[in-house]
Amino acid sequence: MPYLTAALPLPGPNQDEAPWWHACRERRLVIQRCTSSGTFRHPPRPLCHECHSFGFEWKEVSGKGKIWSVIHCVHPVHPALRGRPPYNVVVVELPDAGNVRLASNVVDTPFEEIAIGMPVEVV
């Protein structure tokens, strides 16, 4: 059984996020980085929060990080999730992206084994 159902609607990319979603479809993780200050930022946005520059690039990162936060969702937040097993939502800190934090899910691991500080890698 897939982790999440195909009936669950996916977010539509806006102009700031489109390159990120494109890289995801290619099974790559990219994070936006300011070309002036070198500051990483996620979610993608047009302006650097450090120096207010509009210049940026997309930097491919390893996808290796550690769990910074975790919750166990037992109540469906969308009708497509009714009747599905509980799922987890984690916030992962990415050290090779300036410690940017990315919301995600851990797959193929029982919830009781998911812990803060646990190393993870994007799949």
Protein backbone atom coordinates (compact mmCIF):
# COMPACT_ATOMS: atom_id res chain seq x y z
CA MET A 1 0.00 0.00 0.00
CA PRO A 2 1.45 3.43 -0.90
CA TYR A 3 2.23 5.68 2.05
CA LEU A 4 -0.43 8.23 1.05
CA THR A 5 -3.37 7.66 -1.27
CA ALA A 6 -3.37 8.95 -4.85
CA ALA A 7 -6.71 10.63 -4.08
CA LEU A 8 -4.94 13.10 -1.80
CA PRO A 9 -4.63 16.38 -3.72
CA LEU A 10 -1.13 17.68 -4.19
CA PRO A 11 -0.27 21.36 -3.82
CA GLY A 12 0.01 23.27 -7.05
CA PRO A 13 3.37 24.94 -7.49
CA ASN A 14 3.52 28.70 -7.71
CA GLN A 15 6.29 30.47 -9.62
CA ASP A 16 8.63 30.46 -6.58
CA GLU A 17 8.17 26.73 -5.89
CA ALA A 18 8.00 25.29 -9.42
CA PRO A 19 11.75 24.47 -9.71
CA TRP A 20 11.63 22.71 -6.31
CA TRP A 21 8.70 20.50 -7.40
CA HIS A 22 10.41 19.81 -10.75
CA ALA A 23 13.55 18.59 -8.94
CA CYS A 24 11.39 16.42 -6.66
CA ARG A 25 9.87 14.73 -9.72
CA GLU A 26 13.45 13.98 -10.82
CA ARG A 27 14.13 12.48 -7.36
CA ARG A 28 16.51 15.31 -6.43
CA LEU A 29 16.35 17.62 -3.42
CA VAL A 30 17.21 21.24 -4.11
CA ILE A 31 17.07 24.15 -1.70
CA GLN A 32 16.96 27.80 -2.66
CA ARG A 33 20.09 29.78 -1.70
CA CYS A 34 20.69 33.53 -1.84
CA THR A 35 23.48 34.43 -4.26
CA SER A 36 24.40 37.51 -2.19
CA SER A 37 24.55 36.18 1.37
CA GLY A 38 24.66 32.42 0.75
CA THR A 39 21.66 31.96 3.06
CA PHE A 40 19.53 28.87 2.38
CA ARG A 41 15.77 29.25 2.58
CA HIS A 42 12.78 26.95 2.50
CA PRO A 43 10.00 27.20 1.58
CA PRO A 44 11.14 28.97 -1.59
CA ARG A 45 10.41 32.69 -1.78
CA PRO A 46 11.60 35.61 -3.87
CA LEU A 47 13.39 37.64 -1.16
CA CYS A 48 16.27 36.70 1.16
CA HIS A 49 15.33 37.17 4.82
CA GLU A 50 18.97 37.97 5.69
CA CYS A 51 20.01 40.60 3.13
CA HIS A 52 16.78 41.30 1.20
CA SER A 53 18.38 40.35 -2.11
CA PHE A 54 16.25 38.99 -4.93
CA GLY A 55 19.16 36.92 -6.31
CA PHE A 56 19.06 33.17 -5.74
CA GLU A 57 20.12 29.80 -7.09
CA TRP A 58 18.92 26.24 -6.57
CA LYS A 59 21.49 24.15 -4.72
CA GLU A 60 21.24 20.37 -4.85
CA VAL A 61 21.75 18.86 -1.40
CA SER A 62 22.30 15.31 -0.18
CA GLY A 63 18.89 14.92 1.47
CA LYS A 64 20.57 13.60 4.62
CA GLY A 65 19.41 15.14 7.85
CA LYS A 66 18.07 14.50 11.29
CA ILE A 67 14.58 14.61 12.71
CA TRP A 68 14.00 17.86 14.56
CA SER A 69 10.32 17.26 15.43
CA VAL A 70 7.77 14.46 14.98
CA ILE A 71 4.01 13.99 15.40
CA HIS A 72 1.74 11.00 14.90
CA CYS A 73 -1.44 11.89 12.98
CA VAL A 74 -4.36 9.65 13.84
CA HIS A 75 -7.25 11.83 12.66
CA PRO A 76 -7.63 12.24 8.90
CA VAL A 77 -7.03 15.82 7.79
CA HIS A 78 -8.57 15.14 4.38
CA PRO A 79 -11.39 12.79 3.27
CA ALA A 80 -8.90 10.82 1.13
CA LEU A 81 -7.14 9.76 4.36
CA ARG A 82 -10.19 8.22 6.03
CA GLY A 83 -9.66 4.56 6.89
CA ARG A 84 -5.90 4.77 6.35
CA PRO A 85 -3.40 3.84 9.03
CA PRO A 86 -2.02 6.66 11.16
CA TYR A 87 0.88 8.51 9.58
CA ASN A 88 3.75 10.63 10.83
CA VAL A 89 4.79 14.17 10.04
CA VAL A 90 8.38 15.13 10.76
CA VAL A 91 10.45 18.25 10.49
CA VAL A 92 13.93 17.38 9.20
CA GLU A 93 16.96 19.60 9.69
CA LEU A 94 19.34 19.57 6.70
CA PRO A 95 22.94 20.33 7.78
CA ASP A 96 24.28 20.72 4.23
CA ALA A 97 21.60 23.35 3.54
CA GLY A 98 22.36 25.73 6.37
CA ASN A 99 20.17 23.70 8.77
CA VAL A 100 17.03 24.56 6.80
CA ARG A 101 14.09 22.56 8.17
CA LEU A 102 11.82 20.66 5.82
CA ALA A 103 8.42 19.12 6.66
CA SER A 104 8.09 15.53 5.46
CA ASN A 105 7.15 11.97 6.39
CA VAL A 106 9.30 8.99 7.39
CA VAL A 107 8.41 5.90 5.36
CA ASP A 108 9.15 2.23 6.01
CA THR A 109 9.75 2.81 9.73
CA PRO A 110 7.27 2.00 12.51
CA PHE A 111 6.13 5.14 14.31
CA GLU A 112 7.42 3.95 17.68
CA GLU A 113 10.96 3.82 16.21
CA ILE A 114 10.88 7.41 14.89
CA ALA A 115 12.69 9.73 17.28
CA ILE A 116 14.00 13.28 17.46
CA GLY A 117 17.64 13.30 16.41
CA MET A 118 17.22 10.18 14.25
CA PRO A 119 19.23 10.34 11.00
CA VAL A 120 17.10 10.22 7.83
CA GLU A 121 17.62 10.48 4.09
CA VAL A 122 15.24 11.58 1.35
CA VAL A 123 13.78 8.86 -0.91
